[in-house]
């Protein structure tokens, strides 16, 4: 079985990113938000991985703050096709319109 990487694949950046990022979340994942994990001392860590690079976005006291940081970085680094977290306040804002 050969390992697919950004150097050996035959699809666009967008298609490859979406094929990797849209995988189902593990059942034992710490957070329900993409890119958020348990850090040190009860903090939440936000991390984004794109094209083989890992971007550490910081540690946050609140899980939603870490998810917001991930969303902001994903849109800035990946662009319009980035898969971002659906946050509770965003869902409420859409429903009110």
N, C-alpha and C. Protein backbone atom coordinates (compact mmCIF):
# COMPACT_ATOMS: atom_id res chain seq x y z
N UNK A 1 0.85 -1.18 0.00
CA UNK A 1 0.00 0.00 0.00
C UNK A 1 0.90 1.24 0.00
N UNK A 2 0.71 2.11 -0.95
CA UNK A 2 1.53 3.32 -1.01
C UNK A 2 0.86 4.46 -0.24
N UNK A 3 1.67 5.27 0.34
CA UNK A 3 1.18 6.40 1.12
C UNK A 3 0.96 7.59 0.19
N UNK A 4 -0.21 8.18 0.27
CA UNK A 4 -0.52 9.34 -0.56
C UNK A 4 -0.09 10.59 0.18
N UNK A 5 0.63 11.44 -0.50
CA UNK A 5 1.05 12.70 0.11
C UNK A 5 0.77 13.83 -0.87
N UNK A 6 1.06 15.04 -0.43
CA UNK A 6 0.85 16.19 -1.30
C UNK A 6 1.78 16.15 -2.51
N UNK A 7 2.88 15.41 -2.41
CA UNK A 7 3.83 15.36 -3.51
C UNK A 7 3.47 14.30 -4.55
N UNK A 8 2.79 13.22 -4.15
CA UNK A 8 2.53 12.11 -5.07
C UNK A 8 1.08 12.03 -5.54
N UNK A 9 0.20 12.85 -5.06
CA UNK A 9 -1.21 12.74 -5.40
C UNK A 9 -1.49 13.32 -6.78
N UNK A 10 -2.65 12.95 -7.33
CA UNK A 10 -3.03 13.43 -8.66
C UNK A 10 -4.38 14.13 -8.60
N UNK A 11 -4.59 14.94 -7.59
CA UNK A 11 -5.82 15.71 -7.48
C UNK A 11 -5.47 17.11 -7.01
N UNK A 12 -6.41 18.00 -7.12
CA UNK A 12 -6.17 19.39 -6.73
C UNK A 12 -6.01 19.51 -5.22
N UNK A 13 -5.42 20.62 -4.78
CA UNK A 13 -5.28 20.89 -3.34
C UNK A 13 -6.63 20.82 -2.65
N UNK A 14 -7.63 21.42 -3.26
CA UNK A 14 -8.96 21.45 -2.66
C UNK A 14 -9.52 20.04 -2.50
N UNK A 15 -9.46 19.23 -3.55
CA UNK A 15 -10.01 17.88 -3.48
C UNK A 15 -9.27 17.01 -2.47
N UNK A 16 -7.94 17.14 -2.42
CA UNK A 16 -7.17 16.34 -1.47
C UNK A 16 -7.49 16.77 -0.04
N UNK A 17 -7.54 18.07 0.21
CA UNK A 17 -7.86 18.57 1.55
C UNK A 17 -9.24 18.07 1.98
N UNK A 18 -10.23 18.20 1.11
CA UNK A 18 -11.58 17.77 1.46
C UNK A 18 -11.67 16.26 1.69
N UNK A 19 -10.89 15.48 0.95
CA UNK A 19 -10.90 14.03 1.16
C UNK A 19 -10.32 13.67 2.52
N UNK A 20 -9.34 14.41 2.99
CA UNK A 20 -8.73 14.15 4.28
C UNK A 20 -9.54 14.76 5.42
N UNK A 21 -10.01 15.98 5.24
CA UNK A 21 -10.68 16.71 6.32
C UNK A 21 -12.10 16.24 6.57
N UNK A 22 -12.74 15.62 5.60
CA UNK A 22 -14.14 15.24 5.78
C UNK A 22 -14.29 13.83 6.36
N UNK A 23 -13.18 13.22 6.77
CA UNK A 23 -13.27 11.90 7.42
C UNK A 23 -14.07 12.03 8.71
N UNK A 24 -14.76 10.97 9.11
CA UNK A 24 -15.54 11.04 10.36
C UNK A 24 -14.62 11.21 11.57
N UNK A 25 -15.12 11.93 12.55
CA UNK A 25 -14.34 12.13 13.79
C UNK A 25 -14.32 10.83 14.58
N UNK A 26 -13.20 10.54 15.24
CA UNK A 26 -13.14 9.33 16.06
C UNK A 26 -14.16 9.38 17.19
N UNK A 27 -14.69 8.25 17.56
CA UNK A 27 -15.69 8.18 18.63
C UNK A 27 -15.12 8.63 19.97
N UNK A 28 -13.82 8.44 20.15
CA UNK A 28 -13.20 8.80 21.42
C UNK A 28 -12.53 10.18 21.39
N UNK A 29 -12.86 11.01 20.42
CA UNK A 29 -12.28 12.35 20.33
C UNK A 29 -12.63 13.17 21.57
N UNK A 30 -11.68 13.95 22.04
CA UNK A 30 -11.90 14.72 23.26
C UNK A 30 -12.94 15.81 23.06
N UNK A 31 -12.85 16.50 21.95
CA UNK A 31 -13.74 17.63 21.69
C UNK A 31 -14.65 17.33 20.51
N UNK A 32 -15.80 17.94 20.52
CA UNK A 32 -16.70 17.78 19.37
C UNK A 32 -16.33 18.73 18.24
N UNK A 33 -15.36 19.61 18.47
CA UNK A 33 -14.95 20.60 17.46
C UNK A 33 -13.67 20.16 16.76
N UNK A 34 -13.63 20.40 15.47
CA UNK A 34 -12.47 20.09 14.66
C UNK A 34 -11.28 20.97 15.10
N UNK A 35 -10.11 20.35 15.26
CA UNK A 35 -8.90 21.07 15.59
C UNK A 35 -8.73 21.43 17.05
N UNK A 36 -9.60 20.95 17.91
CA UNK A 36 -9.55 21.27 19.34
C UNK A 36 -9.25 19.99 20.12
N UNK A 37 -8.28 20.08 21.02
CA UNK A 37 -7.95 18.93 21.86
C UNK A 37 -7.64 19.40 23.27
N UNK A 38 -7.50 18.45 24.17
CA UNK A 38 -7.21 18.76 25.57
C UNK A 38 -5.73 19.09 25.68
N UNK A 39 -5.43 20.23 26.25
CA UNK A 39 -4.05 20.64 26.45
C UNK A 39 -3.64 20.47 27.90
N UNK A 40 -2.61 21.16 28.29
CA UNK A 40 -2.10 21.09 29.66
C UNK A 40 -2.96 21.90 30.62
N UNK A 41 -3.01 21.45 31.85
CA UNK A 41 -3.66 22.19 32.94
C UNK A 41 -5.11 22.53 32.66
N UNK A 42 -5.82 21.64 32.00
CA UNK A 42 -7.24 21.85 31.75
C UNK A 42 -7.55 22.84 30.64
N UNK A 43 -6.55 23.25 29.90
CA UNK A 43 -6.76 24.19 28.79
C UNK A 43 -7.14 23.42 27.53
N UNK A 44 -7.67 24.13 26.56
CA UNK A 44 -8.02 23.56 25.26
C UNK A 44 -7.02 24.08 24.23
N UNK A 45 -6.50 23.18 23.41
CA UNK A 45 -5.48 23.52 22.43
C UNK A 45 -6.12 23.54 21.04
N UNK A 46 -5.80 24.56 20.26
CA UNK A 46 -6.28 24.64 18.87
C UNK A 46 -5.10 24.42 17.94
N UNK A 47 -5.26 23.47 17.00
CA UNK A 47 -4.21 23.12 16.06
C UNK A 47 -4.83 22.90 14.69
N UNK A 48 -4.17 23.41 13.65
CA UNK A 48 -4.61 23.22 12.27
C UNK A 48 -3.47 22.57 11.50
N UNK A 49 -3.77 21.52 10.74
CA UNK A 49 -2.78 20.87 9.90
C UNK A 49 -3.22 21.01 8.45
N UNK A 50 -2.31 21.53 7.62
CA UNK A 50 -2.62 21.73 6.20
C UNK A 50 -1.35 21.59 5.39
N UNK A 51 -1.38 20.78 4.36
CA UNK A 51 -0.24 20.53 3.48
C UNK A 51 0.99 20.10 4.25
N UNK A 52 0.79 19.25 5.23
CA UNK A 52 1.91 18.71 5.98
C UNK A 52 2.49 19.63 7.04
N UNK A 53 1.94 20.82 7.19
CA UNK A 53 2.41 21.76 8.21
C UNK A 53 1.39 21.82 9.34
N UNK A 54 1.89 21.86 10.55
CA UNK A 54 1.01 21.96 11.72
C UNK A 54 1.12 23.38 12.28
N UNK A 55 -0.02 24.03 12.40
CA UNK A 55 -0.09 25.39 12.92
C UNK A 55 -0.68 25.34 14.33
N UNK A 56 0.13 25.68 15.34
CA UNK A 56 -0.35 25.74 16.71
C UNK A 56 -0.99 27.11 16.92
N UNK A 57 -2.24 27.12 17.27
CA UNK A 57 -3.01 28.36 17.33
C UNK A 57 -3.17 28.89 18.75
N UNK A 58 -2.69 28.13 19.71
CA UNK A 58 -2.72 28.61 21.09
C UNK A 58 -3.54 27.73 22.01
N UNK A 59 -3.47 28.06 23.30
CA UNK A 59 -4.24 27.38 24.34
C UNK A 59 -5.31 28.32 24.85
N UNK A 60 -6.49 27.78 25.12
CA UNK A 60 -7.64 28.59 25.50
C UNK A 60 -8.33 27.97 26.70
N UNK A 61 -8.91 28.81 27.54
CA UNK A 61 -9.63 28.32 28.71
C UNK A 61 -10.98 27.72 28.31
N UNK A 62 -11.54 28.20 27.22
CA UNK A 62 -12.87 27.78 26.79
C UNK A 62 -12.77 27.00 25.47
N UNK A 63 -13.51 25.92 25.37
CA UNK A 63 -13.52 25.09 24.17
C UNK A 63 -14.02 25.87 22.95
N UNK A 64 -15.02 26.72 23.14
CA UNK A 64 -15.55 27.52 22.02
C UNK A 64 -14.53 28.53 21.51
N UNK A 65 -13.72 29.10 22.41
CA UNK A 65 -12.67 30.03 21.98
C UNK A 65 -11.65 29.33 21.10
N UNK A 66 -11.29 28.11 21.47
CA UNK A 66 -10.35 27.32 20.67
C UNK A 66 -10.96 27.00 19.30
N UNK A 67 -12.24 26.67 19.27
CA UNK A 67 -12.92 26.38 18.00
C UNK A 67 -12.99 27.63 17.13
N UNK A 68 -13.23 28.79 17.74
CA UNK A 68 -13.25 30.05 16.97
C UNK A 68 -11.88 30.34 16.37
N UNK A 69 -10.81 30.10 17.15
CA UNK A 69 -9.45 30.31 16.66
C UNK A 69 -9.16 29.40 15.48
N UNK A 70 -9.61 28.15 15.56
CA UNK A 70 -9.43 27.20 14.46
C UNK A 70 -10.16 27.71 13.21
N UNK A 71 -11.41 28.12 13.37
CA UNK A 71 -12.19 28.61 12.22
C UNK A 71 -11.51 29.78 11.54
N UNK A 72 -11.06 30.74 12.34
CA UNK A 72 -10.41 31.94 11.79
C UNK A 72 -9.14 31.56 11.03
N UNK A 73 -8.32 30.69 11.61
CA UNK A 73 -7.08 30.27 10.95
C UNK A 73 -7.37 29.44 9.71
N UNK A 74 -8.36 28.57 9.76
CA UNK A 74 -8.68 27.73 8.60
C UNK A 74 -9.10 28.59 7.41
N UNK A 75 -9.91 29.59 7.66
CA UNK A 75 -10.33 30.47 6.56
C UNK A 75 -9.15 31.28 6.02
N UNK A 76 -8.24 31.71 6.91
CA UNK A 76 -7.09 32.50 6.47
C UNK A 76 -6.07 31.64 5.72
N UNK A 77 -5.81 30.43 6.19
CA UNK A 77 -4.76 29.59 5.62
C UNK A 77 -5.27 28.77 4.44
N UNK A 78 -6.42 28.13 4.60
CA UNK A 78 -6.93 27.20 3.59
C UNK A 78 -7.78 27.92 2.55
N UNK A 79 -8.58 28.86 3.00
CA UNK A 79 -9.41 29.61 2.07
C UNK A 79 -10.88 29.26 2.18
N UNK A 80 -11.62 29.58 1.14
CA UNK A 80 -13.07 29.44 1.15
C UNK A 80 -13.55 28.00 1.28
N UNK A 81 -12.75 27.03 0.86
CA UNK A 81 -13.21 25.65 0.92
C UNK A 81 -12.85 24.96 2.24
N UNK A 82 -12.35 25.69 3.21
CA UNK A 82 -12.00 25.11 4.50
C UNK A 82 -13.24 24.59 5.22
N UNK A 83 -13.10 23.43 5.85
CA UNK A 83 -14.17 22.89 6.68
C UNK A 83 -14.02 23.49 8.07
N UNK A 84 -15.02 24.22 8.51
CA UNK A 84 -14.93 24.90 9.80
C UNK A 84 -15.98 24.33 10.75
N UNK A 85 -15.82 24.67 12.01
CA UNK A 85 -16.74 24.20 13.05
C UNK A 85 -18.04 25.00 13.02
N UNK A 86 -19.13 24.32 13.26
CA UNK A 86 -20.41 25.01 13.45
C UNK A 86 -20.52 25.34 14.92
N UNK A 87 -20.53 26.61 15.24
CA UNK A 87 -20.59 27.06 16.63
C UNK A 87 -22.01 27.42 17.01
N UNK A 88 -22.39 27.27 18.27
CA UNK A 88 -23.78 27.50 18.69
C UNK A 88 -24.29 28.89 18.34
N UNK A 89 -23.48 29.94 18.54
CA UNK A 89 -23.98 31.30 18.26
C UNK A 89 -24.17 31.53 16.77
N UNK A 90 -23.37 30.82 15.92
CA UNK A 90 -23.54 30.94 14.48
C UNK A 90 -24.86 30.30 14.04
N UNK A 91 -25.21 29.18 14.64
CA UNK A 91 -26.47 28.50 14.31
C UNK A 91 -27.66 29.36 14.71
N UNK A 92 -27.58 30.00 15.87
CA UNK A 92 -28.66 30.87 16.32
C UNK A 92 -28.82 32.08 15.42
N UNK A 93 -27.71 32.65 14.96
CA UNK A 93 -27.76 33.82 14.08
C UNK A 93 -28.40 33.47 12.75
N UNK A 94 -28.12 32.29 12.23
CA UNK A 94 -28.69 31.86 10.95
C UNK A 94 -30.20 31.63 11.11
N UNK A 95 -30.61 31.02 12.22
CA UNK A 95 -32.02 30.74 12.44
C UNK A 95 -32.84 32.01 12.59
N UNK A 96 -32.24 33.08 13.17
CA UNK A 96 -32.97 34.33 13.41
C UNK A 96 -33.18 35.12 12.12
N UNK A 97 -32.38 34.86 11.09
CA UNK A 97 -32.51 35.65 9.85
C UNK A 97 -33.66 35.20 9.01
